[in-house]
């Protein structure tokens, strides 16, 4: 069962931009890369403190601002060790609303 929740409007996150949202106590970073949206847990799992929203984009990856670990925005896979893989969320756009599935 899908549980899509509206988290933002497309005009809030133009191409090349990002936004952090907090839903049910979860901090999630949303990235717009060439008008495709990606949603990933905002906190780097390496030390549990760095906000990925402040990281450097690297293709379809985000690099942690503290130690440079890279996370794939499509899969959540970490380039250093799979123990640090993080959660990504299904995301879609309907009528200019960005929705994330939290299930």
PDB file of N, CA and C in Angstrom:
ATOM      1  N   UNK A   1       0.845  -1.182   0.000  1.00  0.00           N
ATOM      2  CA  UNK A   1       0.000   0.000   0.000  1.00  0.00           C
ATOM      3  C   UNK A   1       0.887   1.241   0.000  1.00  0.00           C
ATOM      4  N   UNK A   2       0.638   2.112  -0.938  1.00  0.00           N
ATOM      5  CA  UNK A   2       1.398   3.360  -1.015  1.00  0.00           C
ATOM      6  C   UNK A   2       0.851   4.372  -0.017  1.00  0.00           C
ATOM      7  N   UNK A   3       1.738   5.205   0.459  1.00  0.00           N
ATOM      8  CA  UNK A   3       1.358   6.244   1.411  1.00  0.00           C
ATOM      9  C   UNK A   3       2.003   7.556   0.972  1.00  0.00           C
ATOM     10  N   UNK A   4       1.629   8.026  -0.218  1.00  0.00           N
ATOM     11  CA  UNK A   4       2.216   9.257  -0.743  1.00  0.00           C
ATOM     12  C   UNK A   4       1.686  10.472   0.011  1.00  0.00           C
ATOM     13  N   UNK A   5       2.599  11.351   0.387  1.00  0.00           N
ATOM     14  CA  UNK A   5       2.279  12.572   1.113  1.00  0.00           C
ATOM     15  C   UNK A   5       2.862  13.758   0.359  1.00  0.00           C
ATOM     16  N   UNK A   6       2.092  14.812   0.194  1.00  0.00           N
ATOM     17  CA  UNK A   6       2.590  16.027  -0.450  1.00  0.00           C
ATOM     18  C   UNK A   6       3.588  16.704   0.479  1.00  0.00           C
ATOM     19  N   UNK A   7       4.775  17.022  -0.067  1.00  0.00           N
ATOM     20  CA  UNK A   7       5.832  17.630   0.751  1.00  0.00           C
ATOM     21  C   UNK A   7       6.254  19.006   0.252  1.00  0.00           C
ATOM     22  N   UNK A   8       5.939  19.329  -0.996  1.00  0.00           N
ATOM     23  CA  UNK A   8       6.346  20.625  -1.556  1.00  0.00           C
ATOM     24  C   UNK A   8       5.646  20.824  -2.888  1.00  0.00           C
ATOM     25  N   UNK A   9       5.767  22.032  -3.401  1.00  0.00           N
ATOM     26  CA  UNK A   9       5.309  22.358  -4.750  1.00  0.00           C
ATOM     27  C   UNK A   9       6.535  22.422  -5.655  1.00  0.00           C
ATOM     28  N   UNK A  10       6.362  22.091  -6.927  1.00  0.00           N
ATOM     29  CA  UNK A  10       7.500  22.083  -7.848  1.00  0.00           C
ATOM     30  C   UNK A  10       8.180  23.447  -7.925  1.00  0.00           C
ATOM     31  N   UNK A  11       7.414  24.534  -7.816  1.00  0.00           N
ATOM     32  CA  UNK A  11       8.011  25.876  -7.906  1.00  0.00           C
ATOM     33  C   UNK A  11       8.959  26.161  -6.742  1.00  0.00           C
ATOM     34  N   UNK A  12       8.843  25.404  -5.640  1.00  0.00           N
ATOM     35  CA  UNK A  12       9.729  25.595  -4.487  1.00  0.00           C
ATOM     36  C   UNK A  12      11.117  25.006  -4.718  1.00  0.00           C
ATOM     37  N   UNK A  13      11.212  24.060  -5.670  1.00  0.00           N
ATOM     38  CA  UNK A  13      12.488  23.376  -5.907  1.00  0.00           C
ATOM     39  C   UNK A  13      12.760  23.349  -7.410  1.00  0.00           C
ATOM     40  N   UNK A  14      13.197  24.476  -7.989  1.00  0.00           N
ATOM     41  CA  UNK A  14      13.506  24.484  -9.420  1.00  0.00           C
ATOM     42  C   UNK A  14      14.706  23.589  -9.734  1.00  0.00           C
ATOM     43  N   UNK A  15      14.899  23.307 -11.010  1.00  0.00           N
ATOM     44  CA  UNK A  15      16.010  22.452 -11.433  1.00  0.00           C
ATOM     45  C   UNK A  15      17.332  22.966 -10.870  1.00  0.00           C
ATOM     46  N   UNK A  16      18.107  22.057 -10.305  1.00  0.00           N
ATOM     47  CA  UNK A  16      19.395  22.403  -9.715  1.00  0.00           C
ATOM     48  C   UNK A  16      19.314  22.785  -8.252  1.00  0.00           C
ATOM     49  N   UNK A  17      18.102  22.834  -7.713  1.00  0.00           N
ATOM     50  CA  UNK A  17      17.914  23.244  -6.321  1.00  0.00           C
ATOM     51  C   UNK A  17      17.574  22.052  -5.434  1.00  0.00           C
ATOM     52  N   UNK A  18      17.461  22.327  -4.149  1.00  0.00           N
ATOM     53  CA  UNK A  18      17.182  21.299  -3.146  1.00  0.00           C
ATOM     54  C   UNK A  18      16.390  21.903  -2.003  1.00  0.00           C
ATOM     55  N   UNK A  19      15.746  21.035  -1.246  1.00  0.00           N
ATOM     56  CA  UNK A  19      14.974  21.487  -0.088  1.00  0.00           C
ATOM     57  C   UNK A  19      14.911  20.352   0.924  1.00  0.00           C
ATOM     58  N   UNK A  20      14.996  20.730   2.201  1.00  0.00           N
ATOM     59  CA  UNK A  20      14.827  19.737   3.265  1.00  0.00           C
ATOM     60  C   UNK A  20      13.415  19.874   3.817  1.00  0.00           C
ATOM     61  N   UNK A  21      12.777  18.729   4.029  1.00  0.00           N
ATOM     62  CA  UNK A  21      11.457  18.700   4.651  1.00  0.00           C
ATOM     63  C   UNK A  21      11.525  17.776   5.861  1.00  0.00           C
ATOM     64  N   UNK A  22      10.628  18.009   6.799  1.00  0.00           N
ATOM     65  CA  UNK A  22      10.528  17.125   7.953  1.00  0.00           C
ATOM     66  C   UNK A  22       9.102  16.618   8.032  1.00  0.00           C
ATOM     67  N   UNK A  23       8.961  15.305   7.960  1.00  0.00           N
ATOM     68  CA  UNK A  23       7.654  14.659   7.994  1.00  0.00           C
ATOM     69  C   UNK A  23       7.711  13.542   9.026  1.00  0.00           C
ATOM     70  N   UNK A  24       6.795  13.566   9.948  1.00  0.00           N
ATOM     71  CA  UNK A  24       6.728  12.523  10.985  1.00  0.00           C
ATOM     72  C   UNK A  24       8.077  12.292  11.656  1.00  0.00           C
ATOM     73  N   UNK A  25       8.799  13.373  11.917  1.00  0.00           N
ATOM     74  CA  UNK A  25      10.088  13.262  12.590  1.00  0.00           C
ATOM     75  C   UNK A  25      11.241  12.853  11.698  1.00  0.00           C
ATOM     76  N   UNK A  26      10.984  12.639  10.407  1.00  0.00           N
ATOM     77  CA  UNK A  26      12.038  12.261   9.459  1.00  0.00           C
ATOM     78  C   UNK A  26      12.479  13.488   8.677  1.00  0.00           C
ATOM     79  N   UNK A  27      13.791  13.699   8.619  1.00  0.00           N
ATOM     80  CA  UNK A  27      14.336  14.792   7.811  1.00  0.00           C
ATOM     81  C   UNK A  27      14.768  14.211   6.471  1.00  0.00           C
ATOM     82  N   UNK A  28      14.182  14.753   5.416  1.00  0.00           N
ATOM     83  CA  UNK A  28      14.406  14.234   4.070  1.00  0.00           C
ATOM     84  C   UNK A  28      14.841  15.369   3.166  1.00  0.00           C
ATOM     85  N   UNK A  29      15.878  15.101   2.378  1.00  0.00           N
ATOM     86  CA  UNK A  29      16.350  16.066   1.387  1.00  0.00           C
ATOM     87  C   UNK A  29      15.752  15.706   0.041  1.00  0.00           C
ATOM     88  N   UNK A  30      15.216  16.720  -0.627  1.00  0.00           N
ATOM     89  CA  UNK A  30      14.669  16.553  -1.970  1.00  0.00           C
ATOM     90  C   UNK A  30      15.562  17.333  -2.924  1.00  0.00           C
ATOM     91  N   UNK A  31      15.984  16.674  -3.994  1.00  0.00           N
ATOM     92  CA  UNK A  31      16.845  17.285  -5.003  1.00  0.00           C
ATOM     93  C   UNK A  31      16.127  17.279  -6.340  1.00  0.00           C
ATOM     94  N   UNK A  32      16.275  18.373  -7.098  1.00  0.00           N
ATOM     95  CA  UNK A  32      15.764  18.456  -8.460  1.00  0.00           C
ATOM     96  C   UNK A  32      16.979  18.513  -9.374  1.00  0.00           C
ATOM     97  N   UNK A  33      17.190  17.428 -10.113  1.00  0.00           N
ATOM     98  CA  UNK A  33      18.307  17.355 -11.050  1.00  0.00           C
ATOM     99  C   UNK A  33      17.718  17.209 -12.443  1.00  0.00           C
ATOM    100  N   UNK A  34      17.862  18.247 -13.247  1.00  0.00           N
ATOM    101  CA  UNK A  34      17.304  18.263 -14.607  1.00  0.00           C
ATOM    102  C   UNK A  34      15.816  17.913 -14.612  1.00  0.00           C
ATOM    103  N   UNK A  35      15.089  18.503 -13.676  1.00  0.00           N
ATOM    104  CA  UNK A  35      13.647  18.322 -13.542  1.00  0.00           C
ATOM    105  C   UNK A  35      13.220  16.901 -13.190  1.00  0.00           C
ATOM    106  N   UNK A  36      14.134  16.129 -12.613  1.00  0.00           N
ATOM    107  CA  UNK A  36      13.804  14.836 -12.004  1.00  0.00           C
ATOM    108  C   UNK A  36      14.043  14.992 -10.506  1.00  0.00           C
ATOM    109  N   UNK A  37      13.118  14.490  -9.722  1.00  0.00           N
ATOM    110  CA  UNK A  37      13.185  14.678  -8.271  1.00  0.00           C
ATOM    111  C   UNK A  37      13.666  13.411  -7.573  1.00  0.00           C
ATOM    112  N   UNK A  38      14.439  13.604  -6.510  1.00  0.00           N
ATOM    113  CA  UNK A  38      14.991  12.514  -5.712  1.00  0.00           C
ATOM    114  C   UNK A  38      14.807  12.859  -4.240  1.00  0.00           C
ATOM    115  N   UNK A  39      14.504  11.850  -3.428  1.00  0.00           N
ATOM    116  CA  UNK A  39      14.313  12.060  -1.989  1.00  0.00           C
ATOM    117  C   UNK A  39      15.167  11.051  -1.229  1.00  0.00           C
ATOM    118  N   UNK A  40      15.957  11.555  -0.276  1.00  0.00           N
ATOM    119  CA  UNK A  40      16.888  10.723   0.482  1.00  0.00           C
ATOM    120  C   UNK A  40      16.895  11.189   1.935  1.00  0.00           C
ATOM    121  N   UNK A  41      17.147  10.260   2.860  1.00  0.00           N
ATOM    122  CA  UNK A  41      17.307  10.660   4.263  1.00  0.00           C
ATOM    123  C   UNK A  41      18.338  11.769   4.325  1.00  0.00           C
ATOM    124  N   UNK A  42      18.062  12.799   5.098  1.00  0.00           N
ATOM    125  CA  UNK A  42      18.952  13.956   5.140  1.00  0.00           C
ATOM    126  C   UNK A  42      20.205  13.721   5.973  1.00  0.00           C
ATOM    127  N   UNK A  43      20.151  12.860   6.959  1.00  0.00           N
ATOM    128  CA  UNK A  43      21.289  12.672   7.853  1.00  0.00           C
ATOM    129  C   UNK A  43      22.212  11.577   7.335  1.00  0.00           C
ATOM    130  N   UNK A  44      23.489  11.909   7.175  1.00  0.00           N
ATOM    131  CA  UNK A  44      24.475  10.925   6.731  1.00  0.00           C
ATOM    132  C   UNK A  44      24.569   9.809   7.776  1.00  0.00           C
ATOM    133  N   UNK A  45      24.469   8.544   7.361  1.00  0.00           N
ATOM    134  CA  UNK A  45      24.522   7.446   8.321  1.00  0.00           C
ATOM    135  C   UNK A  45      25.928   7.144   8.853  1.00  0.00           C
ATOM    136  N   UNK A  46      26.963   7.738   8.278  1.00  0.00           N
ATOM    137  CA  UNK A  46      28.330   7.467   8.716  1.00  0.00           C
ATOM    138  C   UNK A  46      28.519   7.818  10.185  1.00  0.00           C
ATOM    139  N   UNK A  47      28.286   9.062  10.555  1.00  0.00           N
ATOM    140  CA  UNK A  47      28.410   9.491  11.952  1.00  0.00           C
ATOM    141  C   UNK A  47      27.060   9.909  12.544  1.00  0.00           C
ATOM    142  N   UNK A  48      26.057  10.013  11.665  1.00  0.00           N
ATOM    143  CA  UNK A  48      24.716  10.345  12.135  1.00  0.00           C
ATOM    144  C   UNK A  48      24.489  11.809  12.453  1.00  0.00           C
ATOM    145  N   UNK A  49      25.354  12.677  11.929  1.00  0.00           N
ATOM    146  CA  UNK A  49      25.213  14.096  12.262  1.00  0.00           C
ATOM    147  C   UNK A  49      25.162  15.021  11.052  1.00  0.00           C
ATOM    148  N   UNK A  50      25.840  14.700   9.972  1.00  0.00           N
ATOM    149  CA  UNK A  50      25.964  15.622   8.839  1.00  0.00           C
ATOM    150  C   UNK A  50      24.683  15.673   8.007  1.00  0.00           C
ATOM    151  N   UNK A  51      24.195  16.883   7.688  1.00  0.00           N
ATOM    152  CA  UNK A  51      23.026  17.019   6.825  1.00  0.00           C
ATOM    153  C   UNK A  51      23.432  16.920   5.349  1.00  0.00           C
ATOM    154  N   UNK A  52      22.901  15.930   4.658  1.00  0.00           N
ATOM    155  CA  UNK A  52      23.241  15.750   3.245  1.00  0.00           C
ATOM    156  C   UNK A  52      22.762  16.917   2.390  1.00  0.00           C
ATOM    157  N   UNK A  53      21.774  17.665   2.850  1.00  0.00           N
ATOM    158  CA  UNK A  53      21.276  18.822   2.105  1.00  0.00           C
ATOM    159  C   UNK A  53      22.415  19.792   1.798  1.00  0.00           C
ATOM    160  N   UNK A  54      23.449  19.814   2.639  1.00  0.00           N
ATOM    161  CA  UNK A  54      24.575  20.731   2.449  1.00  0.00           C
ATOM    162  C   UNK A  54      25.714  20.106   1.652  1.00  0.00           C
ATOM    163  N   UNK A  55      25.513  18.887   1.174  1.00  0.00           N
ATOM    164  CA  UNK A  55      26.559  18.201   0.425  1.00  0.00           C
ATOM    165  C   UNK A  55      26.694  18.696  -1.000  1.00  0.00           C
ATOM    166  N   UNK A  56      27.736  18.211  -1.649  1.00  0.00           N
ATOM    167  CA  UNK A  56      28.013  18.558  -3.046  1.00  0.00           C
ATOM    168  C   UNK A  56      27.405  17.505  -3.957  1.00  0.00           C
ATOM    169  N   UNK A  57      26.628  17.963  -4.945  1.00  0.00           N
ATOM    170  CA  UNK A  57      26.071  17.030  -5.923  1.00  0.00           C
ATOM    171  C   UNK A  57      27.175  16.515  -6.827  1.00  0.00           C
ATOM    172  N   UNK A  58      27.079  15.229  -7.150  1.00  0.00           N
ATOM    173  CA  UNK A  58      28.045  14.556  -8.012  1.00  0.00           C
ATOM    174  C   UNK A  58      27.245  13.649  -8.940  1.00  0.00           C
ATOM    175  N   UNK A  59      26.834  14.183 -10.076  1.00  0.00           N
ATOM    176  CA  UNK A  59      25.960  13.415 -10.960  1.00  0.00           C
ATOM    177  C   UNK A  59      24.651  13.140 -10.246  1.00  0.00           C
ATOM    178  N   UNK A  60      24.299  11.857 -10.119  1.00  0.00           N
ATOM    179  CA  UNK A  60      23.099  11.477  -9.379  1.00  0.00           C
ATOM    180  C   UNK A  60      23.464  11.028  -7.972  1.00  0.00           C
ATOM    181  N   UNK A  61      24.493  11.644  -7.418  1.00  0.00           N
ATOM    182  CA  UNK A  61      24.904  11.342  -6.051  1.00  0.00           C
ATOM    183  C   UNK A  61      25.075  12.615  -5.256  1.00  0.00           C
ATOM    184  N   UNK A  62      25.063  12.450  -3.943  1.00  0.00           N
ATOM    185  CA  UNK A  62      25.311  13.566  -3.038  1.00  0.00           C
ATOM    186  C   UNK A  62      26.467  13.171  -2.127  1.00  0.00           C
ATOM    187  N   UNK A  63      27.440  14.073  -1.987  1.00  0.00           N
ATOM    188  CA  UNK A  63      28.595  13.814  -1.126  1.00  0.00           C
ATOM    189  C   UNK A  63      28.365  14.455   0.237  1.00  0.00           C
ATOM    190  N   UNK A  64      28.606  13.687   1.277  1.00  0.00           N
ATOM    191  CA  UNK A  64      28.464  14.203   2.634  1.00  0.00           C
ATOM    192  C   UNK A  64      29.420  15.375   2.822  1.00  0.00           C
ATOM    193  N   UNK A  65      28.936  16.475   3.417  1.00  0.00           N
ATOM    194  CA  UNK A  65      29.806  17.642   3.596  1.00  0.00           C
ATOM    195  C   UNK A  65      30.924  17.419   4.617  1.00  0.00           C
ATOM    196  N   UNK A  66      30.810  16.415   5.469  1.00  0.00           N
ATOM    197  CA  UNK A  66      31.839  16.194   6.490  1.00  0.00           C
ATOM    198  C   UNK A  66      33.002  15.334   6.006  1.00  0.00           C
ATOM    199  N   UNK A  67      32.711  14.135   5.491  1.00  0.00           N
ATOM    200  CA  UNK A  67      33.784  13.209   5.135  1.00  0.00           C
ATOM    201  C   UNK A  67      33.771  12.771   3.672  1.00  0.00           C
ATOM    202  N   UNK A  68      32.838  13.298   2.873  1.00  0.00           N
ATOM    203  CA  UNK A  68      32.851  13.031   1.440  1.00  0.00           C
ATOM    204  C   UNK A  68      32.260  11.706   1.006  1.00  0.00           C
ATOM    205  N   UNK A  69      31.627  10.972   1.912  1.00  0.00           N
ATOM    206  CA  UNK A  69      30.968   9.739   1.489  1.00  0.00           C
ATOM    207  C   UNK A  69      29.908  10.124   0.466  1.00  0.00           C
ATOM    208  N   UNK A  70      29.796   9.316  -0.597  1.00  0.00           N
ATOM    209  CA  UNK A  70      28.850   9.623  -1.669  1.00  0.00           C
ATOM    210  C   UNK A  70      27.681   8.650  -1.616  1.00  0.00           C
ATOM    211  N   UNK A  71      26.479   9.193  -1.741  1.00  0.00           N
ATOM    212  CA  UNK A  71      25.270   8.383  -1.721  1.00  0.00           C
ATOM    213  C   UNK A  71      24.522   8.552  -3.033  1.00  0.00           C
ATOM    214  N   UNK A  72      24.168   7.425  -3.652  1.00  0.00           N
ATOM    215  CA  UNK A  72      23.411   7.433  -4.897  1.00  0.00           C
ATOM    216  C   UNK A  72      21.982   7.883  -4.591  1.00  0.00           C
ATOM    217  N   UNK A  73      21.508   8.901  -5.287  1.00  0.00           N
ATOM    218  CA  UNK A  73      20.177   9.442  -5.017  1.00  0.00           C
ATOM    219  C   UNK A  73      19.053   8.518  -5.486  1.00  0.00           C
ATOM    220  N   UNK A  74      19.373   7.555  -6.358  1.00  0.00           N
ATOM    221  CA  UNK A  74      18.350   6.617  -6.822  1.00  0.00           C
ATOM    222  C   UNK A  74      18.240   5.388  -5.926  1.00  0.00           C
ATOM    223  N   UNK A  75      19.376   4.964  -5.355  1.00  0.00           N
ATOM    224  CA  UNK A  75      19.396   3.707  -4.604  1.00  0.00           C
ATOM    225  C   UNK A  75      19.749   3.865  -3.127  1.00  0.00           C
ATOM    226  N   UNK A  76      20.392   4.972  -2.754  1.00  0.00           N
ATOM    227  CA  UNK A  76      20.858   5.156  -1.385  1.00  0.00           C
ATOM    228  C   UNK A  76      22.187   4.484  -1.097  1.00  0.00           C
ATOM    229  N   UNK A  77      22.780   3.845  -2.120  1.00  0.00           N
ATOM    230  CA  UNK A  77      24.036   3.123  -1.915  1.00  0.00           C
ATOM    231  C   UNK A  77      25.187   4.079  -1.633  1.00  0.00           C
ATOM    232  N   UNK A  78      26.011   3.687  -0.662  1.00  0.00           N
ATOM    233  CA  UNK A  78      27.201   4.446  -0.287  1.00  0.00           C
ATOM    234  C   UNK A  78      28.400   3.909  -1.057  1.00  0.00           C
ATOM    235  N   UNK A  79      29.273   4.808  -1.517  1.00  0.00           N
ATOM    236  CA  UNK A  79      30.437   4.393  -2.299  1.00  0.00           C
ATOM    237  C   UNK A  79      31.546   3.801  -1.435  1.00  0.00           C
ATOM    238  N   UNK A  80      31.493   3.951  -0.125  1.00  0.00           N
ATOM    239  CA  UNK A  80      32.553   3.481   0.759  1.00  0.00           C
ATOM    240  C   UNK A  80      32.276   2.072   1.265  1.00  0.00           C
ATOM    241  N   UNK A  81      31.076   1.846   1.780  1.00  0.00           N
ATOM    242  CA  UNK A  81      30.734   0.559   2.382  1.00  0.00           C
ATOM    243  C   UNK A  81      29.214   0.452   2.447  1.00  0.00           C
ATOM    244  N   UNK A  82      28.689  -0.718   2.080  1.00  0.00           N
ATOM    245  CA  UNK A  82      27.233  -0.899   2.058  1.00  0.00           C
ATOM    246  C   UNK A  82      26.606  -0.780   3.450  1.00  0.00           C
ATOM    247  N   UNK A  83      27.403  -0.893   4.500  1.00  0.00           N
ATOM    248  CA  UNK A  83      26.873  -0.724   5.857  1.00  0.00           C
ATOM    249  C   UNK A  83      26.327   0.696   6.046  1.00  0.00           C
ATOM    250  N   UNK A  84      26.788   1.637   5.218  1.00  0.00           N
ATOM    251  CA  UNK A  84      26.350   3.027   5.316  1.00  0.00           C
ATOM    252  C   UNK A  84      25.249   3.384   4.314  1.00  0.00           C
ATOM    253  N   UNK A  85      24.742   2.404   3.571  1.00  0.00           N
ATOM    254  CA  UNK A  85      23.646   2.705   2.648  1.00  0.00           C
ATOM    255  C   UNK A  85      22.523   3.396   3.414  1.00  0.00           C
ATOM    256  N   UNK A  86      21.833   4.296   2.728  1.00  0.00           N
ATOM    257  CA  UNK A  86      20.769   5.049   3.396  1.00  0.00           C
ATOM    258  C   UNK A  86      19.463   4.923   2.629  1.00  0.00           C
ATOM    259  N   UNK A  87      18.404   5.388   3.230  1.00  0.00           N
ATOM    260  CA  UNK A  87      17.060   5.248   2.670  1.00  0.00           C
ATOM    261  C   UNK A  87      16.777   6.323   1.624  1.00  0.00           C
ATOM    262  N   UNK A  88      16.254   5.873   0.494  1.00  0.00           N
ATOM    263  CA  UNK A  88      15.693   6.785  -0.498  1.00  0.00           C
ATOM    264  C   UNK A  88      14.195   6.489  -0.568  1.00  0.00           C
ATOM    265  N   UNK A  89      13.442   7.464  -1.014  1.00  0.00           N
ATOM    266  CA  UNK A  89      11.986   7.347  -1.012  1.00  0.00           C
ATOM    267  C   UNK A  89      11.438   7.497  -2.420  1.00  0.00           C
ATOM    268  N   UNK A  90      10.417   6.690  -2.765  1.00  0.00           N
ATOM    269  CA  UNK A  90       9.733   6.909  -4.038  1.00  0.00           C
ATOM    270  C   UNK A  90       9.139   8.318  -4.044  1.00  0.00           C
ATOM    271  N   UNK A  91       9.267   8.975  -5.180  1.00  0.00           N
ATOM    272  CA  UNK A  91       8.822  10.363  -5.288  1.00  0.00           C
ATOM    273  C   UNK A  91       8.129  10.543  -6.634  1.00  0.00           C
ATOM    274  N   UNK A  92       7.091  11.358  -6.656  1.00  0.00           N
ATOM    275  CA  UNK A  92       6.385  11.626  -7.911  1.00  0.00           C
ATOM    276  C   UNK A  92       5.828  13.038  -7.877  1.00  0.00           C
ATOM    277  N   UNK A  93       5.460  13.517  -9.063  1.00  0.00           N
ATOM    278  CA  UNK A  93       4.859  14.842  -9.198  1.00  0.00           C
ATOM    279  C   UNK A  93       3.455  14.672  -9.771  1.00  0.00           C
ATOM    280  N   UNK A  94       2.499  15.315  -9.108  1.00  0.00           N
ATOM    281  CA  UNK A  94       1.117  15.343  -9.593  1.00  0.00           C
ATOM    282  C   UNK A  94       0.591  16.762  -9.448  1.00  0.00           C
ATOM    283  N   UNK A  95       0.137  17.339 -10.551  1.00  0.00           N
ATOM    284  CA  UNK A  95      -0.445  18.689 -10.520  1.00  0.00           C
ATOM    285  C   UNK A  95       0.455  19.694  -9.801  1.00  0.00           C
ATOM    286  N   UNK A  96       1.742  19.672 -10.134  1.00  0.00           N
ATOM    287  CA  UNK A  96       2.743  20.583  -9.562  1.00  0.00           C
ATOM    288  C   UNK A  96       3.021  20.357  -8.076  1.00  0.00           C
ATOM    289  N   UNK A  97       2.527  19.257  -7.522  1.00  0.00           N
ATOM    290  CA  UNK A  97       2.842  18.889  -6.141  1.00  0.00           C
ATOM    291  C   UNK A  97       3.853  17.748  -6.149  1.00  0.00           C
ATOM    292  N   UNK A  98       4.821  17.825  -5.232  1.00  0.00           N
ATOM    293  CA  UNK A  98       5.815  16.765  -5.071  1.00  0.00           C
ATOM    294  C   UNK A  98       5.342  15.877  -3.929  1.00  0.00           C
ATOM    295  N   UNK A  99       5.243  14.582  -4.214  1.00  0.00           N
ATOM    296  CA  UNK A  99       4.762  13.624  -3.220  1.00  0.00           C
ATOM    297  C   UNK A  99       5.823  12.557  -2.970  1.00  0.00           C
ATOM    298  N   UNK A 100       5.971  12.162  -1.703  1.00  0.00           N
ATOM    299  CA  UNK A 100       6.911  11.117  -1.307  1.00  0.00           C
ATOM    300  C   UNK A 100       6.118   9.984  -0.672  1.00  0.00           C
ATOM    301  N   UNK A 101       6.522   8.738  -0.983  1.00  0.00           N
ATOM    302  CA  UNK A 101       5.919   7.548  -0.381  1.00  0.00           C
ATOM    303  C   UNK A 101       6.759   7.142   0.825  1.00  0.00           C
ATOM    304  N   UNK A 102       6.168   7.171   2.003  1.00  0.00           N
ATOM    305  CA  UNK A 102       6.898   6.864   3.236  1.00  0.00           C
ATOM    306  C   UNK A 102       6.821   5.406   3.655  1.00  0.00           C
ATOM    307  N   UNK A 103       6.106   4.559   2.906  1.00  0.00           N
ATOM    308  CA  UNK A 103       6.012   3.138   3.288  1.00  0.00           C
ATOM    309  C   UNK A 103       7.283   2.391   2.984  1.00  0.00           C
TER     310      UNK A 103
END
